[in-house]
Amino acid sequence: VIHGAWCVGSKRNSYHCSQVEFQIDQNTDGDQKEVRNTFLLQFWDRNMDRLLAWRSIQAMLFDQPLVLDMSYESNMSRREIENTVSQLMEVEGWNRRAKEPYHLHFCNLQPDGAYMKEFLKRYGAETWDRLLITNTEAHAVDVFPRDRLVYLTADSPNVLRTFDHSKVYIIGALVDRSILSGLSLANAKRLKLATARLPLDEFLHWEMGAKNLTLDQMIRIMLSMKETGKWQEALQFVPKRKHVGFNQNQSSKHMGPKTPWLEKDGAAQRLIQW
């Protein structure tokens, strides 16, 4: 039995099955060395694509949104925009293949802007139009209720203690190498949005460098939190070169209560209504 199909062998080593055909190659010594079944591989790829597309459609209709804020193209060079789009393509890929994907929203995406031109160059117009994401010129505050929005930025004084499935998290679509510190935080404050940072200091022994993560690292962390709600698992996607391991006092306990809240650094713990 091969993949559930009864097969009969012949002297020519071709196995004819009721559903598929396997061709077995032989080396010069007559030993079987490879079994090829391009039909099953193509069948698997097509059905996997359908499954992933179905999950993305379900996410667009019923699941939690995640916003990528595309309002930073004027702050970056052409090379930085190209790098950002490369990371955004990884974001879309990781999300599309996830067990529990987000409904991705590319907000502030200008039709004639540098981001869009690079997307069309990379994807092609036809593929871009088929992507199961929402792209809009509107800002997140024009799409979602303000009290549901939380802007994630490494410069926030507030620690994201617990993942909240009812919130819409925003991630700035920018490369941080040459961007002035506090740019995304200033943007969030201007829009009067709640802000939060990931609990990197609380869970990790940070070794060196800024606590800015790439977009592909952020999406993997956020997908893990959506699925598991455990920072210990989600922060495994922080590059090992940036830290020397998890804090022992945090790795064995849950961080915060079950209700969503933020903790103000350097102050007493307090509940914050978003």
Protein backbone atom coordinates (compact mmCIF):
# COMPACT_ATOMS: atom_id res chain seq x y z
CA VAL A 1 0.00 0.00 0.00
CA ILE A 2 1.39 3.40 -1.01
CA HIS A 3 -0.50 6.49 0.20
CA GLY A 4 -3.66 4.41 0.54
CA ALA A 5 -3.61 3.06 -3.03
CA TRP A 6 -3.06 -0.60 -3.90
CA CYS A 7 -0.27 -0.90 -6.47
CA VAL A 8 0.95 -3.76 -8.66
CA GLY A 9 4.60 -3.98 -9.76
CA SER A 10 5.83 -5.02 -13.17
CA LYS A 11 9.26 -6.10 -14.44
CA ARG A 12 9.96 -2.56 -15.63
CA ASN A 13 9.66 -1.30 -12.04
CA SER A 14 6.70 0.95 -12.84
CA TYR A 15 4.01 0.77 -10.15
CA HIS A 16 0.60 1.39 -11.68
CA CYS A 17 -2.02 2.45 -9.17
CA SER A 18 -5.67 3.16 -9.46
CA GLN A 19 -5.10 6.84 -8.62
CA VAL A 20 -1.45 7.75 -9.22
CA GLU A 21 1.68 6.44 -10.92
CA PHE A 22 5.04 6.02 -9.16
CA GLN A 23 8.28 5.78 -11.15
CA ILE A 24 11.19 4.21 -9.28
CA ASP A 25 14.69 4.96 -10.59
CA GLN A 26 17.51 2.48 -10.22
CA ASN A 27 21.22 2.99 -10.05
CA THR A 28 23.75 0.94 -12.00
CA ASP A 29 23.78 -1.76 -9.30
CA GLY A 30 20.05 -2.26 -9.59
CA ASP A 31 19.28 -0.73 -6.19
CA GLN A 32 16.25 1.50 -5.84
CA LYS A 33 17.44 5.02 -5.09
CA GLU A 34 14.48 7.40 -5.45
CA VAL A 35 10.72 7.36 -5.60
CA ARG A 36 9.20 10.27 -7.46
CA ASN A 37 5.56 11.20 -7.53
CA THR A 38 5.12 14.63 -8.99
CA PHE A 39 1.36 14.18 -9.21
CA LEU A 40 0.97 13.77 -5.46
CA LEU A 41 3.32 16.69 -4.81
CA GLN A 42 1.30 18.92 -7.13
CA PHE A 43 -1.94 17.64 -5.61
CA TRP A 44 -0.59 18.34 -2.10
CA ASP A 45 0.60 21.84 -3.06
CA ARG A 46 -2.75 22.76 -4.62
CA ASN A 47 -4.72 21.51 -1.64
CA MET A 48 -2.37 23.14 0.85
CA ASP A 49 -2.77 26.43 -1.01
CA ARG A 50 -6.55 26.04 -0.79
CA LEU A 51 -6.35 25.31 2.95
CA LEU A 52 -4.14 28.33 3.62
CA ALA A 53 -6.37 30.53 1.50
CA TRP A 54 -9.43 29.30 3.40
CA ARG A 55 -7.79 30.14 6.72
CA SER A 56 -6.93 33.61 5.45
CA ILE A 57 -10.50 34.15 4.25
CA GLN A 58 -11.80 33.05 7.64
CA ALA A 59 -9.39 35.48 9.31
CA MET A 60 -10.56 38.33 7.07
CA LEU A 61 -14.18 37.64 7.93
CA PHE A 62 -14.07 36.74 11.60
CA ASP A 63 -10.62 36.97 13.17
CA GLN A 64 -8.44 39.50 14.93
CA PRO A 65 -6.99 42.31 12.78
CA LEU A 66 -3.34 43.31 12.88
CA VAL A 67 -2.34 46.67 11.41
CA LEU A 68 0.90 47.51 9.62
CA ASP A 69 1.26 51.30 9.65
CA MET A 70 2.68 52.38 6.29
CA SER A 71 3.04 56.07 7.10
CA TYR A 72 6.85 56.16 7.31
CA GLU A 73 8.00 56.13 3.70
CA SER A 74 8.98 59.81 3.84
CA ASN A 75 11.35 58.97 6.72
CA MET A 76 13.29 56.30 4.84
CA SER A 77 15.66 56.08 1.92
CA ARG A 78 14.87 54.01 -1.15
CA ARG A 79 17.10 51.18 0.12
CA GLU A 80 15.35 51.19 3.48
CA ILE A 81 11.94 51.04 1.80
CA GLU A 82 13.13 48.06 -0.24
CA ASN A 83 14.28 46.33 2.96
CA THR A 84 10.98 47.14 4.66
CA VAL A 85 8.96 45.69 1.77
CA SER A 86 11.10 42.54 1.88
CA GLN A 87 10.20 42.16 5.55
CA LEU A 88 6.53 42.88 4.86
CA MET A 89 6.50 40.10 2.27
CA GLU A 90 7.81 37.77 4.97
CA VAL A 91 5.09 39.05 7.30
CA GLU A 92 2.43 38.14 4.73
CA GLY A 93 4.02 34.74 4.16
CA TRP A 94 4.31 33.81 7.84
CA ASN A 95 0.75 34.98 8.49
CA ARG A 96 -0.66 33.10 5.48
CA ARG A 97 0.98 29.85 6.64
CA ALA A 98 -0.03 30.27 10.29
CA LYS A 99 -2.48 27.97 12.03
CA GLU A 100 -4.36 31.01 13.33
CA PRO A 101 -3.63 33.94 11.00
CA TYR A 102 -4.48 37.57 11.54
CA HIS A 103 -6.51 39.72 9.20
CA LEU A 104 -3.65 41.92 8.01
CA HIS A 105 -4.39 45.58 7.34
CA PHE A 106 -1.82 47.70 5.48
CA CYS A 107 -3.00 51.17 6.53
CA ASN A 108 -1.78 54.52 5.19
CA LEU A 109 -0.71 52.77 1.99
CA GLN A 110 -0.68 55.43 -0.72
CA PRO A 111 -1.60 54.19 -4.25
CA ASP A 112 1.25 56.11 -5.88
CA GLY A 113 3.67 55.88 -2.97
CA ALA A 114 7.06 54.20 -2.75
CA TYR A 115 5.71 51.26 -0.75
CA MET A 116 3.07 50.44 -3.35
CA LYS A 117 5.48 50.74 -6.27
CA GLU A 118 7.84 48.30 -4.57
CA PHE A 119 5.03 45.87 -3.76
CA LEU A 120 3.89 45.83 -7.38
CA LYS A 121 7.46 45.37 -8.54
CA ARG A 122 7.97 42.36 -6.24
CA TYR A 123 4.57 40.67 -6.41
CA GLY A 124 3.26 41.77 -9.78
CA ALA A 125 -0.16 43.41 -10.10
CA GLU A 126 -2.09 40.17 -10.51
CA THR A 127 -0.60 38.46 -7.45
CA TRP A 128 -0.91 41.64 -5.38
CA ASP A 129 -4.62 41.84 -6.15
CA ARG A 130 -5.07 38.22 -5.04
CA LEU A 131 -3.40 38.63 -1.66
CA LEU A 132 -5.86 38.05 1.17
CA ILE A 133 -5.03 41.26 3.01
CA THR A 134 -6.74 44.63 3.35
CA ASN A 135 -4.81 47.65 2.08
CA THR A 136 -6.15 51.15 2.48
CA GLU A 137 -5.11 54.80 2.37
CA ALA A 138 -7.01 55.33 5.62
CA HIS A 139 -5.35 55.38 9.01
CA ALA A 140 -6.20 52.76 11.58
CA VAL A 141 -8.15 55.33 13.61
CA ASP A 142 -10.48 55.72 10.63
CA VAL A 143 -10.99 51.97 10.34
CA PHE A 144 -11.25 50.79 13.96
CA PRO A 145 -12.58 52.29 17.21
CA ARG A 146 -9.80 54.24 18.87
CA ASP A 147 -10.23 52.44 22.20
CA ARG A 148 -9.43 49.10 20.54
CA LEU A 149 -6.09 50.25 19.12
CA VAL A 150 -2.72 49.63 20.78
CA TYR A 151 0.44 50.84 19.04
CA LEU A 152 3.39 48.52 19.67
CA THR A 153 6.65 50.44 19.91
CA ALA A 154 9.94 49.72 21.66
CA ASP A 155 9.95 53.29 23.01
CA SER A 156 6.69 52.97 24.95
CA PRO A 157 6.91 53.30 28.75
CA ASN A 158 4.14 50.70 29.08
CA VAL A 159 4.72 46.96 29.14
CA LEU A 160 2.33 44.69 27.29
CA ARG A 161 1.59 42.23 30.07
CA THR A 162 -1.13 40.06 28.53
CA PHE A 163 -2.23 39.51 24.97
CA ASP A 164 -5.80 40.69 24.35
CA HIS A 165 -7.72 39.14 21.46
CA SER A 166 -10.19 42.03 21.44
CA LYS A 167 -7.53 44.64 20.70
CA VAL A 168 -6.15 45.72 17.35
CA TYR A 169 -2.37 45.93 17.60
CA ILE A 170 -0.43 48.28 15.31
CA ILE A 171 3.14 47.75 14.14
CA GLY A 172 5.08 50.49 12.37
CA ALA A 173 6.24 49.37 8.91
CA LEU A 174 9.73 50.80 9.00
CA VAL A 175 13.39 49.84 9.23
CA ASP A 176 14.79 51.13 12.48
CA ARG A 177 18.50 51.36 11.63
CA SER A 178 18.53 55.03 10.73
CA ILE A 179 15.14 56.15 12.04
CA LEU A 180 15.17 58.64 14.89
CA SER A 181 14.33 57.04 18.21
CA GLY A 182 10.77 57.65 19.34
CA LEU A 183 9.30 58.25 15.88
CA SER A 184 6.56 55.61 16.15
CA LEU A 185 5.84 56.61 19.77
CA ALA A 186 5.45 60.24 18.72
CA ASN A 187 3.13 59.15 15.92
CA ALA A 188 0.98 57.18 18.37
CA LYS A 189 0.85 60.08 20.84
CA ARG A 190 -0.18 62.48 18.09
CA LEU A 191 -3.11 60.17 17.35
CA LYS A 192 -3.85 59.75 21.08
CA LEU A 193 -3.45 55.99 20.94
CA ALA A 194 -2.52 53.61 23.72
CA THR A 195 1.02 52.28 23.36
CA ALA A 196 2.89 49.26 24.64
CA ARG A 197 6.22 47.53 24.28
CA LEU A 198 6.98 43.84 24.39
CA PRO A 199 8.23 42.55 27.78
CA LEU A 200 11.77 41.96 26.58
CA ASP A 201 13.51 43.21 29.73
CA GLU A 202 11.06 41.35 31.93
CA PHE A 203 11.74 37.98 30.28
CA LEU A 204 15.19 38.19 28.69
CA HIS A 205 18.71 38.95 29.82
CA TRP A 206 19.32 41.57 27.15
CA GLU A 207 22.96 41.61 26.09
CA MET A 208 23.44 44.51 23.70
CA GLY A 209 21.86 46.81 21.16
CA ALA A 210 18.49 48.46 20.75
CA LYS A 211 15.33 46.52 21.49
CA ASN A 212 13.90 47.02 18.02
CA LEU A 213 12.88 43.84 16.22
CA THR A 214 12.41 43.27 12.51
CA LEU A 215 8.90 42.97 11.10
CA ASP A 216 9.26 39.26 10.37
CA GLN A 217 10.35 38.66 13.98
CA MET A 218 7.42 40.71 15.24
CA ILE A 219 4.83 38.75 13.23
CA ARG A 220 6.17 35.42 14.49
CA ILE A 221 6.00 36.69 18.07
CA MET A 222 2.48 38.03 17.57
CA LEU A 223 1.29 34.83 15.88
CA SER A 224 2.66 32.78 18.76
CA MET A 225 0.95 35.02 21.33
CA LYS A 226 -2.33 34.78 19.44
CA GLU A 227 -2.13 30.99 19.47
CA THR A 228 -0.63 30.29 22.89
CA GLY A 229 -0.80 33.48 24.98
CA LYS A 230 2.62 32.56 26.44
CA TRP A 231 5.50 35.01 26.30
CA GLN A 232 7.98 32.22 27.04
CA GLU A 233 7.08 30.62 23.73
CA ALA A 234 6.60 33.79 21.70
CA LEU A 235 9.93 35.36 22.68
CA GLN A 236 11.80 32.35 21.37
CA PHE A 237 11.69 34.25 18.07
CA VAL A 238 13.91 37.03 19.44
CA PRO A 239 17.37 36.43 17.90
CA LYS A 240 19.68 34.62 20.33
CA ARG A 241 22.50 37.03 19.50
CA LYS A 242 20.59 39.82 21.27
CA HIS A 243 20.20 38.15 24.64
CA VAL A 244 21.79 35.51 26.87
CA GLY A 245 18.67 33.64 27.90
CA PHE A 246 15.44 33.95 29.83
CA ASN A 247 15.12 35.41 33.33
CA GLN A 248 14.55 32.54 35.73
CA ASN A 249 12.11 34.49 37.87
CA GLN A 250 9.83 35.03 34.86
CA SER A 251 10.26 31.77 32.95
CA SER A 252 8.40 29.79 35.61
CA LYS A 253 5.42 32.08 36.18
CA HIS A 254 2.66 33.73 34.18
CA MET A 255 3.18 37.41 33.60
CA GLY A 256 0.21 39.31 34.93
CA PRO A 257 -3.50 38.59 35.36
CA LYS A 258 -5.81 37.18 32.77
CA THR A 259 -7.38 40.57 32.07
CA PRO A 260 -5.43 42.84 29.68
CA TRP A 261 -3.47 45.61 31.29
CA LEU A 262 -0.28 47.60 31.00
CA GLU A 263 2.31 48.28 33.67
CA LYS A 264 3.92 51.67 33.91
CA ASP A 265 7.71 51.43 34.28
CA GLY A 266 9.06 52.87 37.51
CA ALA A 267 5.64 53.22 39.07
CA ALA A 268 3.16 51.15 41.00
CA GLN A 269 1.16 48.62 39.07
CA ARG A 270 -2.13 50.06 37.88
CA LEU A 271 -4.98 49.02 35.67
CA ILE A 272 -5.39 51.01 32.48
CA GLN A 273 -8.65 51.17 30.60
CA TRP A 274 -7.98 51.24 26.85
